[in-house]
Amino acid sequence: IPNLMKAGRFHKIDLHYLSTGLKPL
């Protein structure tokens, strides 16, 4: 990220939610 940002190539990272496919679990 630091190198990418210095080069103007980083703006945002999405830390997405993982799922088992079973909401109760």
mmCIF file of all heavy atoms, coordinates in Angstrom:
data_MODEL
# 
_entry.id   MODEL 
# 
loop_
_atom_site.group_PDB 
_atom_site.id 
_atom_site.type_symbol 
_atom_site.label_atom_id 
_atom_site.label_alt_id 
_atom_site.label_comp_id 
_atom_site.label_asym_id 
_atom_site.label_entity_id 
_atom_site.label_seq_id 
_atom_site.pdbx_PDB_ins_code 
_atom_site.Cartn_x 
_atom_site.Cartn_y 
_atom_site.Cartn_z 
_atom_site.occupancy 
_atom_site.B_iso_or_equiv 
_atom_site.pdbx_formal_charge 
_atom_site.auth_seq_id 
_atom_site.auth_comp_id 
_atom_site.auth_asym_id 
_atom_site.auth_atom_id 
_atom_site.pdbx_PDB_model_num 
ATOM 1   N N   . ILE A 1 1  ? 0.813   -1.219  0.000   1.00 0.00 ? 1  ILE A N   1 
ATOM 2   C CA  . ILE A 1 1  ? 0.000   0.000   0.000   1.00 0.00 ? 1  ILE A CA  1 
ATOM 3   C C   . ILE A 1 1  ? 0.849   1.274   0.000   1.00 0.00 ? 1  ILE A C   1 
ATOM 4   O O   . ILE A 1 1  ? 0.578   2.194   -0.783  1.00 0.00 ? 1  ILE A O   1 
ATOM 5   C CB  . ILE A 1 1  ? -0.994  0.000   1.174   1.00 0.00 ? 1  ILE A CB  1 
ATOM 6   C CG1 . ILE A 1 1  ? -2.173  -0.936  0.867   1.00 0.00 ? 1  ILE A CG1 1 
ATOM 7   C CG2 . ILE A 1 1  ? -1.529  1.415   1.451   1.00 0.00 ? 1  ILE A CG2 1 
ATOM 8   C CD1 . ILE A 1 1  ? -3.163  -1.075  2.004   1.00 0.00 ? 1  ILE A CD1 1 
ATOM 9   N N   . PRO A 1 2  ? 1.888   1.389   0.845   1.00 0.00 ? 2  PRO A N   1 
ATOM 10  C CA  . PRO A 1 2  ? 2.677   2.639   0.825   1.00 0.00 ? 2  PRO A CA  1 
ATOM 11  C C   . PRO A 1 2  ? 3.287   2.925   -0.545  1.00 0.00 ? 2  PRO A C   1 
ATOM 12  O O   . PRO A 1 2  ? 3.225   4.065   -1.027  1.00 0.00 ? 2  PRO A O   1 
ATOM 13  C CB  . PRO A 1 2  ? 3.755   2.401   1.881   1.00 0.00 ? 2  PRO A CB  1 
ATOM 14  C CG  . PRO A 1 2  ? 3.118   1.429   2.833   1.00 0.00 ? 2  PRO A CG  1 
ATOM 15  C CD  . PRO A 1 2  ? 2.318   0.511   1.957   1.00 0.00 ? 2  PRO A CD  1 
ATOM 16  N N   . ASN A 1 3  ? 3.873   1.909   -1.178  1.00 0.00 ? 3  ASN A N   1 
ATOM 17  C CA  . ASN A 1 3  ? 4.469   2.121   -2.500  1.00 0.00 ? 3  ASN A CA  1 
ATOM 18  C C   . ASN A 1 3  ? 3.411   2.485   -3.539  1.00 0.00 ? 3  ASN A C   1 
ATOM 19  O O   . ASN A 1 3  ? 3.622   3.372   -4.376  1.00 0.00 ? 3  ASN A O   1 
ATOM 20  C CB  . ASN A 1 3  ? 5.222   0.872   -2.955  1.00 0.00 ? 3  ASN A CB  1 
ATOM 21  C CG  . ASN A 1 3  ? 6.542   0.694   -2.228  1.00 0.00 ? 3  ASN A CG  1 
ATOM 22  O OD1 . ASN A 1 3  ? 7.000   1.600   -1.525  1.00 0.00 ? 3  ASN A OD1 1 
ATOM 23  N ND2 . ASN A 1 3  ? 7.141   -0.474  -2.379  1.00 0.00 ? 3  ASN A ND2 1 
ATOM 24  N N   . LEU A 1 4  ? 2.277   1.802   -3.492  1.00 0.00 ? 4  LEU A N   1 
ATOM 25  C CA  . LEU A 1 4  ? 1.194   2.105   -4.429  1.00 0.00 ? 4  LEU A CA  1 
ATOM 26  C C   . LEU A 1 4  ? 0.678   3.523   -4.224  1.00 0.00 ? 4  LEU A C   1 
ATOM 27  O O   . LEU A 1 4  ? 0.412   4.248   -5.195  1.00 0.00 ? 4  LEU A O   1 
ATOM 28  C CB  . LEU A 1 4  ? 0.044   1.102   -4.241  1.00 0.00 ? 4  LEU A CB  1 
ATOM 29  C CG  . LEU A 1 4  ? 0.303   -0.332  -4.689  1.00 0.00 ? 4  LEU A CG  1 
ATOM 30  C CD1 . LEU A 1 4  ? -0.857  -1.230  -4.285  1.00 0.00 ? 4  LEU A CD1 1 
ATOM 31  C CD2 . LEU A 1 4  ? 0.522   -0.405  -6.202  1.00 0.00 ? 4  LEU A CD2 1 
ATOM 32  N N   . MET A 1 5  ? 0.559   3.914   -2.962  1.00 0.00 ? 5  MET A N   1 
ATOM 33  C CA  . MET A 1 5  ? 0.037   5.244   -2.662  1.00 0.00 ? 5  MET A CA  1 
ATOM 34  C C   . MET A 1 5  ? 1.025   6.326   -3.112  1.00 0.00 ? 5  MET A C   1 
ATOM 35  O O   . MET A 1 5  ? 0.622   7.368   -3.651  1.00 0.00 ? 5  MET A O   1 
ATOM 36  C CB  . MET A 1 5  ? -0.240  5.362   -1.163  1.00 0.00 ? 5  MET A CB  1 
ATOM 37  C CG  . MET A 1 5  ? -1.097  6.547   -0.780  1.00 0.00 ? 5  MET A CG  1 
ATOM 38  S SD  . MET A 1 5  ? -1.677  6.341   0.913   1.00 0.00 ? 5  MET A SD  1 
ATOM 39  C CE  . MET A 1 5  ? -2.338  7.986   1.190   1.00 0.00 ? 5  MET A CE  1 
ATOM 40  N N   . LYS A 1 6  ? 2.295   6.056   -2.932  1.00 0.00 ? 6  LYS A N   1 
ATOM 41  C CA  . LYS A 1 6  ? 3.309   7.018   -3.348  1.00 0.00 ? 6  LYS A CA  1 
ATOM 42  C C   . LYS A 1 6  ? 3.283   7.220   -4.857  1.00 0.00 ? 6  LYS A C   1 
ATOM 43  O O   . LYS A 1 6  ? 3.541   8.325   -5.363  1.00 0.00 ? 6  LYS A O   1 
ATOM 44  C CB  . LYS A 1 6  ? 4.695   6.542   -2.910  1.00 0.00 ? 6  LYS A CB  1 
ATOM 45  C CG  . LYS A 1 6  ? 5.768   7.612   -2.982  1.00 0.00 ? 6  LYS A CG  1 
ATOM 46  C CD  . LYS A 1 6  ? 7.038   7.142   -2.297  1.00 0.00 ? 6  LYS A CD  1 
ATOM 47  C CE  . LYS A 1 6  ? 8.054   8.270   -2.179  1.00 0.00 ? 6  LYS A CE  1 
ATOM 48  N NZ  . LYS A 1 6  ? 9.274   7.835   -1.463  1.00 0.00 ? 6  LYS A NZ  1 
ATOM 49  N N   . ALA A 1 7  ? 2.924   6.144   -5.563  1.00 0.00 ? 7  ALA A N   1 
ATOM 50  C CA  . ALA A 1 7  ? 2.847   6.223   -7.029  1.00 0.00 ? 7  ALA A CA  1 
ATOM 51  C C   . ALA A 1 7  ? 1.486   6.704   -7.513  1.00 0.00 ? 7  ALA A C   1 
ATOM 52  O O   . ALA A 1 7  ? 1.243   6.773   -8.717  1.00 0.00 ? 7  ALA A O   1 
ATOM 53  C CB  . ALA A 1 7  ? 3.144   4.846   -7.622  1.00 0.00 ? 7  ALA A CB  1 
ATOM 54  N N   . GLY A 1 8  ? 0.589   7.046   -6.560  1.00 0.00 ? 8  GLY A N   1 
ATOM 55  C CA  . GLY A 1 8  ? -0.738  7.514   -6.932  1.00 0.00 ? 8  GLY A CA  1 
ATOM 56  C C   . GLY A 1 8  ? -1.658  6.418   -7.410  1.00 0.00 ? 8  GLY A C   1 
ATOM 57  O O   . GLY A 1 8  ? -2.656  6.686   -8.087  1.00 0.00 ? 8  GLY A O   1 
ATOM 58  N N   . ARG A 1 9  ? -1.366  5.155   -7.027  1.00 0.00 ? 9  ARG A N   1 
ATOM 59  C CA  . ARG A 1 9  ? -2.150  4.027   -7.532  1.00 0.00 ? 9  ARG A CA  1 
ATOM 60  C C   . ARG A 1 9  ? -2.951  3.321   -6.432  1.00 0.00 ? 9  ARG A C   1 
ATOM 61  O O   . ARG A 1 9  ? -3.456  2.230   -6.644  1.00 0.00 ? 9  ARG A O   1 
ATOM 62  C CB  . ARG A 1 9  ? -1.231  3.028   -8.242  1.00 0.00 ? 9  ARG A CB  1 
ATOM 63  C CG  . ARG A 1 9  ? -0.635  3.605   -9.517  1.00 0.00 ? 9  ARG A CG  1 
ATOM 64  C CD  . ARG A 1 9  ? 0.048   2.556   -10.384 1.00 0.00 ? 9  ARG A CD  1 
ATOM 65  N NE  . ARG A 1 9  ? 1.290   2.079   -9.794  1.00 0.00 ? 9  ARG A NE  1 
ATOM 66  C CZ  . ARG A 1 9  ? 1.523   0.818   -9.466  1.00 0.00 ? 9  ARG A CZ  1 
ATOM 67  N NH1 . ARG A 1 9  ? 0.589   -0.095  -9.630  1.00 0.00 ? 9  ARG A NH1 1 
ATOM 68  N NH2 . ARG A 1 9  ? 2.684   0.461   -8.968  1.00 0.00 ? 9  ARG A NH2 1 
ATOM 69  N N   . PHE A 1 10 ? -3.057  3.939   -5.262  1.00 0.00 ? 10 PHE A N   1 
ATOM 70  C CA  . PHE A 1 10 ? -3.914  3.392   -4.212  1.00 0.00 ? 10 PHE A CA  1 
ATOM 71  C C   . PHE A 1 10 ? -4.889  4.474   -3.753  1.00 0.00 ? 10 PHE A C   1 
ATOM 72  O O   . PHE A 1 10 ? -4.470  5.590   -3.426  1.00 0.00 ? 10 PHE A O   1 
ATOM 73  C CB  . PHE A 1 10 ? -3.113  2.910   -3.000  1.00 0.00 ? 10 PHE A CB  1 
ATOM 74  C CG  . PHE A 1 10 ? -3.990  2.510   -1.845  1.00 0.00 ? 10 PHE A CG  1 
ATOM 75  C CD1 . PHE A 1 10 ? -4.581  1.262   -1.803  1.00 0.00 ? 10 PHE A CD1 1 
ATOM 76  C CD2 . PHE A 1 10 ? -4.253  3.408   -0.808  1.00 0.00 ? 10 PHE A CD2 1 
ATOM 77  C CE1 . PHE A 1 10 ? -5.417  0.900   -0.749  1.00 0.00 ? 10 PHE A CE1 1 
ATOM 78  C CE2 . PHE A 1 10 ? -5.082  3.054   0.242   1.00 0.00 ? 10 PHE A CE2 1 
ATOM 79  C CZ  . PHE A 1 10 ? -5.671  1.793   0.271   1.00 0.00 ? 10 PHE A CZ  1 
ATOM 80  N N   . HIS A 1 11 ? -6.147  4.133   -3.715  1.00 0.00 ? 11 HIS A N   1 
ATOM 81  C CA  . HIS A 1 11 ? -7.158  5.062   -3.234  1.00 0.00 ? 11 HIS A CA  1 
ATOM 82  C C   . HIS A 1 11 ? -8.019  4.460   -2.125  1.00 0.00 ? 11 HIS A C   1 
ATOM 83  O O   . HIS A 1 11 ? -8.379  5.150   -1.178  1.00 0.00 ? 11 HIS A O   1 
ATOM 84  C CB  . HIS A 1 11 ? -8.056  5.517   -4.397  1.00 0.00 ? 11 HIS A CB  1 
ATOM 85  C CG  . HIS A 1 11 ? -7.291  6.169   -5.506  1.00 0.00 ? 11 HIS A CG  1 
ATOM 86  N ND1 . HIS A 1 11 ? -6.762  7.433   -5.393  1.00 0.00 ? 11 HIS A ND1 1 
ATOM 87  C CD2 . HIS A 1 11 ? -6.936  5.698   -6.727  1.00 0.00 ? 11 HIS A CD2 1 
ATOM 88  C CE1 . HIS A 1 11 ? -6.116  7.733   -6.520  1.00 0.00 ? 11 HIS A CE1 1 
ATOM 89  N NE2 . HIS A 1 11 ? -6.205  6.705   -7.330  1.00 0.00 ? 11 HIS A NE2 1 
ATOM 90  N N   . LYS A 1 12 ? -8.303  3.149   -2.231  1.00 0.00 ? 12 LYS A N   1 
ATOM 91  C CA  . LYS A 1 12 ? -9.197  2.532   -1.262  1.00 0.00 ? 12 LYS A CA  1 
ATOM 92  C C   . LYS A 1 12 ? -9.040  1.017   -1.301  1.00 0.00 ? 12 LYS A C   1 
ATOM 93  O O   . LYS A 1 12 ? -8.755  0.445   -2.347  1.00 0.00 ? 12 LYS A O   1 
ATOM 94  C CB  . LYS A 1 12 ? -10.651 2.902   -1.592  1.00 0.00 ? 12 LYS A CB  1 
ATOM 95  C CG  . LYS A 1 12 ? -11.688 2.339   -0.645  1.00 0.00 ? 12 LYS A CG  1 
ATOM 96  C CD  . LYS A 1 12 ? -13.092 2.729   -1.083  1.00 0.00 ? 12 LYS A CD  1 
ATOM 97  C CE  . LYS A 1 12 ? -14.136 2.155   -0.127  1.00 0.00 ? 12 LYS A CE  1 
ATOM 98  N NZ  . LYS A 1 12 ? -15.521 2.500   -0.529  1.00 0.00 ? 12 LYS A NZ  1 
ATOM 99  N N   . ILE A 1 13 ? -9.218  0.402   -0.138  1.00 0.00 ? 13 ILE A N   1 
ATOM 100 C CA  . ILE A 1 13 ? -9.286  -1.056  -0.091  1.00 0.00 ? 13 ILE A CA  1 
ATOM 101 C C   . ILE A 1 13 ? -10.590 -1.451  0.590   1.00 0.00 ? 13 ILE A C   1 
ATOM 102 O O   . ILE A 1 13 ? -10.962 -0.880  1.615   1.00 0.00 ? 13 ILE A O   1 
ATOM 103 C CB  . ILE A 1 13 ? -8.078  -1.676  0.655   1.00 0.00 ? 13 ILE A CB  1 
ATOM 104 C CG1 . ILE A 1 13 ? -8.160  -3.211  0.617   1.00 0.00 ? 13 ILE A CG1 1 
ATOM 105 C CG2 . ILE A 1 13 ? -7.965  -1.177  2.083   1.00 0.00 ? 13 ILE A CG2 1 
ATOM 106 C CD1 . ILE A 1 13 ? -6.890  -3.903  1.065   1.00 0.00 ? 13 ILE A CD1 1 
ATOM 107 N N   . ASP A 1 14 ? -11.298 -2.380  -0.019  1.00 0.00 ? 14 ASP A N   1 
ATOM 108 C CA  . ASP A 1 14 ? -12.543 -2.897  0.555   1.00 0.00 ? 14 ASP A CA  1 
ATOM 109 C C   . ASP A 1 14 ? -12.251 -4.211  1.256   1.00 0.00 ? 14 ASP A C   1 
ATOM 110 O O   . ASP A 1 14 ? -11.836 -5.192  0.617   1.00 0.00 ? 14 ASP A O   1 
ATOM 111 C CB  . ASP A 1 14 ? -13.594 -3.117  -0.538  1.00 0.00 ? 14 ASP A CB  1 
ATOM 112 C CG  . ASP A 1 14 ? -14.070 -1.803  -1.148  1.00 0.00 ? 14 ASP A CG  1 
ATOM 113 O OD1 . ASP A 1 14 ? -14.322 -0.860  -0.375  1.00 0.00 ? 14 ASP A OD1 1 
ATOM 114 O OD2 . ASP A 1 14 ? -14.164 -1.739  -2.395  1.00 0.00 ? 14 ASP A OD2 1 
ATOM 115 N N   . LEU A 1 15 ? -12.441 -4.222  2.583   1.00 0.00 ? 15 LEU A N   1 
ATOM 116 C CA  . LEU A 1 15 ? -12.257 -5.445  3.361   1.00 0.00 ? 15 LEU A CA  1 
ATOM 117 C C   . LEU A 1 15 ? -13.622 -6.107  3.476   1.00 0.00 ? 15 LEU A C   1 
ATOM 118 O O   . LEU A 1 15 ? -14.411 -5.793  4.353   1.00 0.00 ? 15 LEU A O   1 
ATOM 119 C CB  . LEU A 1 15 ? -11.674 -5.108  4.734   1.00 0.00 ? 15 LEU A CB  1 
ATOM 120 C CG  . LEU A 1 15 ? -10.316 -4.395  4.685   1.00 0.00 ? 15 LEU A CG  1 
ATOM 121 C CD1 . LEU A 1 15 ? -9.861  -4.013  6.071   1.00 0.00 ? 15 LEU A CD1 1 
ATOM 122 C CD2 . LEU A 1 15 ? -9.280  -5.287  4.005   1.00 0.00 ? 15 LEU A CD2 1 
ATOM 123 N N   . HIS A 1 16 ? -13.896 -6.999  2.543   1.00 0.00 ? 16 HIS A N   1 
ATOM 124 C CA  . HIS A 1 16 ? -15.248 -7.513  2.387   1.00 0.00 ? 16 HIS A CA  1 
ATOM 125 C C   . HIS A 1 16 ? -15.586 -8.578  3.432   1.00 0.00 ? 16 HIS A C   1 
ATOM 126 O O   . HIS A 1 16 ? -14.725 -9.131  4.100   1.00 0.00 ? 16 HIS A O   1 
ATOM 127 C CB  . HIS A 1 16 ? -15.429 -8.071  0.977   1.00 0.00 ? 16 HIS A CB  1 
ATOM 128 C CG  . HIS A 1 16 ? -14.389 -9.073  0.582   1.00 0.00 ? 16 HIS A CG  1 
ATOM 129 N ND1 . HIS A 1 16 ? -13.207 -8.718  0.006   1.00 0.00 ? 16 HIS A ND1 1 
ATOM 130 C CD2 . HIS A 1 16 ? -14.355 -10.414 0.707   1.00 0.00 ? 16 HIS A CD2 1 
ATOM 131 C CE1 . HIS A 1 16 ? -12.482 -9.795  -0.222  1.00 0.00 ? 16 HIS A CE1 1 
ATOM 132 N NE2 . HIS A 1 16 ? -13.149 -10.839 0.190   1.00 0.00 ? 16 HIS A NE2 1 
ATOM 133 N N   . TYR A 1 17 ? -16.861 -8.867  3.505   1.00 0.00 ? 17 TYR A N   1 
ATOM 134 C CA  . TYR A 1 17 ? -17.404 -9.827  4.454   1.00 0.00 ? 17 TYR A CA  1 
ATOM 135 C C   . TYR A 1 17 ? -17.453 -11.207 3.814   1.00 0.00 ? 17 TYR A C   1 
ATOM 136 O O   . TYR A 1 17 ? -17.929 -11.361 2.686   1.00 0.00 ? 17 TYR A O   1 
ATOM 137 C CB  . TYR A 1 17 ? -18.811 -9.384  4.877   1.00 0.00 ? 17 TYR A CB  1 
ATOM 138 C CG  . TYR A 1 17 ? -19.528 -10.344 5.793   1.00 0.00 ? 17 TYR A CG  1 
ATOM 139 C CD1 . TYR A 1 17 ? -19.176 -10.440 7.134   1.00 0.00 ? 17 TYR A CD1 1 
ATOM 140 C CD2 . TYR A 1 17 ? -20.555 -11.152 5.317   1.00 0.00 ? 17 TYR A CD2 1 
ATOM 141 C CE1 . TYR A 1 17 ? -19.840 -11.315 7.975   1.00 0.00 ? 17 TYR A CE1 1 
ATOM 142 C CE2 . TYR A 1 17 ? -21.222 -12.032 6.152   1.00 0.00 ? 17 TYR A CE2 1 
ATOM 143 C CZ  . TYR A 1 17 ? -20.860 -12.113 7.482   1.00 0.00 ? 17 TYR A CZ  1 
ATOM 144 O OH  . TYR A 1 17 ? -21.508 -12.980 8.320   1.00 0.00 ? 17 TYR A OH  1 
ATOM 145 N N   . LEU A 1 18 ? -16.968 -12.227 4.527   1.00 0.00 ? 18 LEU A N   1 
ATOM 146 C CA  . LEU A 1 18 ? -17.013 -13.590 4.038   1.00 0.00 ? 18 LEU A CA  1 
ATOM 147 C C   . LEU A 1 18 ? -18.204 -14.324 4.648   1.00 0.00 ? 18 LEU A C   1 
ATOM 148 O O   . LEU A 1 18 ? -18.601 -14.037 5.782   1.00 0.00 ? 18 LEU A O   1 
ATOM 149 C CB  . LEU A 1 18 ? -15.732 -14.351 4.383   1.00 0.00 ? 18 LEU A CB  1 
ATOM 150 C CG  . LEU A 1 18 ? -14.544 -14.139 3.434   1.00 0.00 ? 18 LEU A CG  1 
ATOM 151 C CD1 . LEU A 1 18 ? -13.935 -12.765 3.640   1.00 0.00 ? 18 LEU A CD1 1 
ATOM 152 C CD2 . LEU A 1 18 ? -13.490 -15.204 3.660   1.00 0.00 ? 18 LEU A CD2 1 
ATOM 153 N N   . SER A 1 19 ? -18.742 -15.273 3.919   1.00 0.00 ? 19 SER A N   1 
ATOM 154 C CA  . SER A 1 19 ? -19.917 -15.992 4.397   1.00 0.00 ? 19 SER A CA  1 
ATOM 155 C C   . SER A 1 19 ? -19.797 -17.484 4.125   1.00 0.00 ? 19 SER A C   1 
ATOM 156 O O   . SER A 1 19 ? -19.241 -17.908 3.101   1.00 0.00 ? 19 SER A O   1 
ATOM 157 C CB  . SER A 1 19 ? -21.187 -15.449 3.725   1.00 0.00 ? 19 SER A CB  1 
ATOM 158 O OG  . SER A 1 19 ? -22.321 -16.232 4.075   1.00 0.00 ? 19 SER A OG  1 
ATOM 159 N N   . THR A 1 20 ? -20.343 -18.264 5.046   1.00 0.00 ? 20 THR A N   1 
ATOM 160 C CA  . THR A 1 20 ? -20.448 -19.707 4.842   1.00 0.00 ? 20 THR A CA  1 
ATOM 161 C C   . THR A 1 20 ? -21.652 -20.051 3.972   1.00 0.00 ? 20 THR A C   1 
ATOM 162 O O   . THR A 1 20 ? -21.821 -21.198 3.564   1.00 0.00 ? 20 THR A O   1 
ATOM 163 C CB  . THR A 1 20 ? -20.604 -20.430 6.188   1.00 0.00 ? 20 THR A CB  1 
ATOM 164 O OG1 . THR A 1 20 ? -21.825 -20.005 6.809   1.00 0.00 ? 20 THR A OG1 1 
ATOM 165 C CG2 . THR A 1 20 ? -19.432 -20.134 7.106   1.00 0.00 ? 20 THR A CG2 1 
ATOM 166 N N   . GLY A 1 21 ? -22.506 -19.071 3.740   1.00 0.00 ? 21 GLY A N   1 
ATOM 167 C CA  . GLY A 1 21 ? -23.746 -19.311 3.030   1.00 0.00 ? 21 GLY A CA  1 
ATOM 168 C C   . GLY A 1 21 ? -24.896 -19.660 3.945   1.00 0.00 ? 21 GLY A C   1 
ATOM 169 O O   . GLY A 1 21 ? -26.037 -19.832 3.502   1.00 0.00 ? 21 GLY A O   1 
ATOM 170 N N   . LEU A 1 22 ? -24.587 -19.753 5.254   1.00 0.00 ? 22 LEU A N   1 
ATOM 171 C CA  . LEU A 1 22 ? -25.598 -20.090 6.259   1.00 0.00 ? 22 LEU A CA  1 
ATOM 172 C C   . LEU A 1 22 ? -25.603 -18.984 7.309   1.00 0.00 ? 22 LEU A C   1 
ATOM 173 O O   . LEU A 1 22 ? -24.664 -18.886 8.114   1.00 0.00 ? 22 LEU A O   1 
ATOM 174 C CB  . LEU A 1 22 ? -25.287 -21.439 6.900   1.00 0.00 ? 22 LEU A CB  1 
ATOM 175 C CG  . LEU A 1 22 ? -25.177 -22.631 5.934   1.00 0.00 ? 22 LEU A CG  1 
ATOM 176 C CD1 . LEU A 1 22 ? -24.570 -23.842 6.650   1.00 0.00 ? 22 LEU A CD1 1 
ATOM 177 C CD2 . LEU A 1 22 ? -26.542 -22.974 5.353   1.00 0.00 ? 22 LEU A CD2 1 
ATOM 178 N N   . LYS A 1 23 ? -26.617 -18.135 7.311   1.00 0.00 ? 23 LYS A N   1 
ATOM 179 C CA  . LYS A 1 23 ? -26.640 -16.971 8.192   1.00 0.00 ? 23 LYS A CA  1 
ATOM 180 C C   . LYS A 1 23 ? -26.502 -17.320 9.670   1.00 0.00 ? 23 LYS A C   1 
ATOM 181 O O   . LYS A 1 23 ? -25.754 -16.656 10.395  1.00 0.00 ? 23 LYS A O   1 
ATOM 182 C CB  . LYS A 1 23 ? -27.907 -16.141 7.949   1.00 0.00 ? 23 LYS A CB  1 
ATOM 183 C CG  . LYS A 1 23 ? -27.866 -15.353 6.645   1.00 0.00 ? 23 LYS A CG  1 
ATOM 184 C CD  . LYS A 1 23 ? -29.056 -14.422 6.523   1.00 0.00 ? 23 LYS A CD  1 
ATOM 185 C CE  . LYS A 1 23 ? -28.960 -13.600 5.236   1.00 0.00 ? 23 LYS A CE  1 
ATOM 186 N NZ  . LYS A 1 23 ? -30.121 -12.678 5.099   1.00 0.00 ? 23 LYS A NZ  1 
ATOM 187 N N   . PRO A 1 24 ? -27.201 -18.333 10.188  1.00 0.00 ? 24 PRO A N   1 
ATOM 188 C CA  . PRO A 1 24 ? -27.031 -18.680 11.613  1.00 0.00 ? 24 PRO A CA  1 
ATOM 189 C C   . PRO A 1 24 ? -25.589 -19.078 11.941  1.00 0.00 ? 24 PRO A C   1 
ATOM 190 O O   . PRO A 1 24 ? -25.062 -18.717 12.988  1.00 0.00 ? 24 PRO A O   1 
ATOM 191 C CB  . PRO A 1 24 ? -28.003 -19.850 11.817  1.00 0.00 ? 24 PRO A CB  1 
ATOM 192 C CG  . PRO A 1 24 ? -29.020 -19.688 10.735  1.00 0.00 ? 24 PRO A CG  1 
ATOM 193 C CD  . PRO A 1 24 ? -28.270 -19.154 9.564   1.00 0.00 ? 24 PRO A CD  1 
ATOM 194 N N   . LEU A 1 25 ? -24.934 -19.797 11.011  1.00 0.00 ? 25 LEU A N   1 
ATOM 195 C CA  . LEU A 1 25 ? -23.545 -20.199 11.231  1.00 0.00 ? 25 LEU A CA  1 
ATOM 196 C C   . LEU A 1 25 ? -22.619 -18.990 11.137  1.00 0.00 ? 25 LEU A C   1 
ATOM 197 O O   . LEU A 1 25 ? -21.666 -18.863 11.932  1.00 0.00 ? 25 LEU A O   1 
ATOM 198 C CB  . LEU A 1 25 ? -23.138 -21.259 10.214  1.00 0.00 ? 25 LEU A CB  1 
ATOM 199 C CG  . LEU A 1 25 ? -21.731 -21.859 10.382  1.00 0.00 ? 25 LEU A CG  1 
ATOM 200 C CD1 . LEU A 1 25 ? -21.581 -22.499 11.753  1.00 0.00 ? 25 LEU A CD1 1 
ATOM 201 C CD2 . LEU A 1 25 ? -21.455 -22.870 9.274   1.00 0.00 ? 25 LEU A CD2 1 
# 
